[in-house]
Amino acid sequence: MEKRAYAFVLPGFFVTDKSPEEVFREDIKPEELEQVQDLIRKIIFKEDADIDIVIAPFLVPPDQANEALQQLGQAVFGGEEENNG
């Protein structure tokens, strides 16, 4: 069976008395994102799931989440991603 891409979100909040720009890192290395992807794969998905995960550290308001997912899909899949969900 051919692999297909499915968009997913992990909604959440962070609480601070500072602006998002003051607390959100801009110097995340690719290796660090790979660690987060591995953690998501281990904790959220079944152990025998043959999946690849792609994430990007976007900080967007809820009404812009779809646009952010589309931009990530364009960057990773060149417009071939499927948004099933």
C-alpha atoms as a PDB file:
ATOM      1  CA  MET A   1       0.000   0.000   0.000  1.00  0.00           C
ATOM      2  CA  GLU A   2       1.280   3.447  -0.901  1.00  0.00           C
ATOM      3  CA  LYS A   3       1.984   5.813   1.987  1.00  0.00           C
ATOM      4  CA  ARG A   4      -0.327   8.819   2.292  1.00  0.00           C
ATOM      5  CA  ALA A   5       0.135  12.005   4.293  1.00  0.00           C
ATOM      6  CA  TYR A   6      -2.419  12.943   6.949  1.00  0.00           C
ATOM      7  CA  ALA A   7      -2.366  16.282   8.718  1.00  0.00           C
ATOM      8  CA  PHE A   8      -2.578  16.198  12.508  1.00  0.00           C
ATOM      9  CA  VAL A   9      -2.477  18.832  15.208  1.00  0.00           C
ATOM     10  CA  LEU A  10      -1.586  18.782  18.865  1.00  0.00           C
ATOM     11  CA  PRO A  11      -3.488  21.764  20.206  1.00  0.00           C
ATOM     12  CA  GLY A  12      -2.226  23.294  23.367  1.00  0.00           C
ATOM     13  CA  PHE A  13      -1.414  26.432  25.251  1.00  0.00           C
ATOM     14  CA  PHE A  14       1.612  27.877  26.903  1.00  0.00           C
ATOM     15  CA  VAL A  15       1.088  30.326  29.723  1.00  0.00           C
ATOM     16  CA  THR A  16       3.486  33.176  30.356  1.00  0.00           C
ATOM     17  CA  ASP A  17       3.613  36.793  31.386  1.00  0.00           C
ATOM     18  CA  LYS A  18       5.919  37.532  28.421  1.00  0.00           C
ATOM     19  CA  SER A  19       5.215  37.953  24.723  1.00  0.00           C
ATOM     20  CA  PRO A  20       5.475  34.844  22.523  1.00  0.00           C
ATOM     21  CA  GLU A  21       8.530  36.315  20.814  1.00  0.00           C
ATOM     22  CA  GLU A  22      10.327  36.409  24.165  1.00  0.00           C
ATOM     23  CA  VAL A  23       9.768  32.731  24.968  1.00  0.00           C
ATOM     24  CA  PHE A  24       9.609  30.931  21.598  1.00  0.00           C
ATOM     25  CA  ARG A  25      13.006  29.712  20.389  1.00  0.00           C
ATOM     26  CA  GLU A  26      14.069  30.686  16.891  1.00  0.00           C
ATOM     27  CA  ASP A  27      17.302  28.674  16.855  1.00  0.00           C
ATOM     28  CA  ILE A  28      15.876  25.144  16.797  1.00  0.00           C
ATOM     29  CA  LYS A  29      18.246  22.771  15.051  1.00  0.00           C
ATOM     30  CA  PRO A  30      17.054  20.043  12.674  1.00  0.00           C
ATOM     31  CA  GLU A  31      18.420  17.419  15.087  1.00  0.00           C
ATOM     32  CA  GLU A  32      16.239  18.821  17.868  1.00  0.00           C
ATOM     33  CA  LEU A  33      13.130  18.639  15.680  1.00  0.00           C
ATOM     34  CA  GLU A  34      14.024  15.028  14.887  1.00  0.00           C
ATOM     35  CA  GLN A  35      14.093  14.298  18.637  1.00  0.00           C
ATOM     36  CA  VAL A  36      10.615  15.789  19.033  1.00  0.00           C
ATOM     37  CA  GLN A  37       9.361  13.820  16.008  1.00  0.00           C
ATOM     38  CA  ASP A  38      10.759  10.607  17.516  1.00  0.00           C
ATOM     39  CA  LEU A  39       9.096  11.370  20.848  1.00  0.00           C
ATOM     40  CA  ILE A  40       5.730  11.993  19.157  1.00  0.00           C
ATOM     41  CA  ARG A  41       6.101   8.754  17.193  1.00  0.00           C
ATOM     42  CA  LYS A  42       6.892   6.747  20.355  1.00  0.00           C
ATOM     43  CA  ILE A  43       4.235   8.230  22.617  1.00  0.00           C
ATOM     44  CA  ILE A  44       1.250   8.948  20.380  1.00  0.00           C
ATOM     45  CA  PHE A  45       1.368   6.304  17.660  1.00  0.00           C
ATOM     46  CA  LYS A  46       1.252   2.530  17.960  1.00  0.00           C
ATOM     47  CA  GLU A  47       4.611   0.812  18.260  1.00  0.00           C
ATOM     48  CA  ASP A  48       4.200  -1.178  15.042  1.00  0.00           C
ATOM     49  CA  ALA A  49       3.018   1.822  13.004  1.00  0.00           C
ATOM     50  CA  ASP A  50       5.240   2.352   9.984  1.00  0.00           C
ATOM     51  CA  ILE A  51       5.050   6.152   9.902  1.00  0.00           C
ATOM     52  CA  ASP A  52       7.181   9.170   9.232  1.00  0.00           C
ATOM     53  CA  ILE A  53       6.432  12.432  11.011  1.00  0.00           C
ATOM     54  CA  VAL A  54       7.192  15.955   9.851  1.00  0.00           C
ATOM     55  CA  ILE A  55       6.711  18.925  12.144  1.00  0.00           C
ATOM     56  CA  ALA A  56       7.574  22.603  12.059  1.00  0.00           C
ATOM     57  CA  PRO A  57       7.698  25.005  14.996  1.00  0.00           C
ATOM     58  CA  PHE A  58       4.923  27.324  13.874  1.00  0.00           C
ATOM     59  CA  LEU A  59       3.247  29.588  16.383  1.00  0.00           C
ATOM     60  CA  VAL A  60      -0.070  30.579  14.836  1.00  0.00           C
ATOM     61  CA  PRO A  61      -3.506  31.627  16.036  1.00  0.00           C
ATOM     62  CA  PRO A  62      -6.175  28.919  15.662  1.00  0.00           C
ATOM     63  CA  ASP A  63      -7.796  30.631  12.688  1.00  0.00           C
ATOM     64  CA  GLN A  64      -4.492  30.354  10.778  1.00  0.00           C
ATOM     65  CA  ALA A  65      -3.750  26.684  11.580  1.00  0.00           C
ATOM     66  CA  ASN A  66      -5.015  25.375   8.220  1.00  0.00           C
ATOM     67  CA  GLU A  67      -2.834  27.827   6.342  1.00  0.00           C
ATOM     68  CA  ALA A  68       0.207  26.787   8.414  1.00  0.00           C
ATOM     69  CA  LEU A  69      -0.482  23.094   7.648  1.00  0.00           C
ATOM     70  CA  GLN A  70      -0.781  23.889   3.952  1.00  0.00           C
ATOM     71  CA  GLN A  71       2.526  25.776   4.001  1.00  0.00           C
ATOM     72  CA  LEU A  72       4.226  22.856   5.760  1.00  0.00           C
ATOM     73  CA  GLY A  73       2.746  20.444   3.222  1.00  0.00           C
ATOM     74  CA  GLN A  74       3.990  22.581   0.337  1.00  0.00           C
ATOM     75  CA  ALA A  75       7.481  22.719   1.838  1.00  0.00           C
ATOM     76  CA  VAL A  76       7.689  18.977   2.525  1.00  0.00           C
ATOM     77  CA  PHE A  77       5.647  17.403  -0.240  1.00  0.00           C
ATOM     78  CA  GLY A  78       5.670  20.064  -2.924  1.00  0.00           C
ATOM     79  CA  GLY A  79       1.887  20.329  -2.947  1.00  0.00           C
ATOM     80  CA  GLU A  80       1.192  16.587  -2.991  1.00  0.00           C
ATOM     81  CA  GLU A  81       0.062  16.290   0.638  1.00  0.00           C
ATOM     82  CA  GLU A  82      -3.406  15.128   1.521  1.00  0.00           C
ATOM     83  CA  ASN A  83      -5.336  16.809   4.281  1.00  0.00           C
ATOM     84  CA  ASN A  84      -7.496  13.986   5.572  1.00  0.00           C
ATOM     85  CA  GLY A  85      -8.847  14.948   8.909  1.00  0.00           C
END
